[in-house]
Amino acid sequence: MEIATIALILATMIASKAAPQNNGCSSVMMTLSPCLDFIGSKALEPGFSCCTTLAGIVQTDPRCLCMVLDGSAASFGIAINHTRALELPGICKVQAPPISQCTGL
């Protein structure tokens, strides 16, 4: 099932690679694949690899996380539960910038 999800994401990303709203976040969105079951409401809690990935993205490219939270992830064909996405940094104990700073990133 997980391989099918990743394949679907890859196909969607390739199809939408030229979309201007992606802002170079395609590869970052792909690295979030360990979190998809949680933010897509299929898992009760995120796994260790999700939290590790999230921590890395917060350090390297937090603006791409804003895409997940502002609904732009839909351009990748990813349906997320915004409540769960907002809970993820707290559950993973990752210090993420406040969502109010997304427009400035």
Foldseek 3Di string as FASTA:
>chain_A
DLVVVLVLLVVLCVVLVPPPVCVPCSVLVSQQSQCQCQQAVNDPAGDPSNLVSVQVCQVPPLLSLLCVQVVVCVSSVRDGNNVRSVCNCVRSVHDHDDNVCNVVD
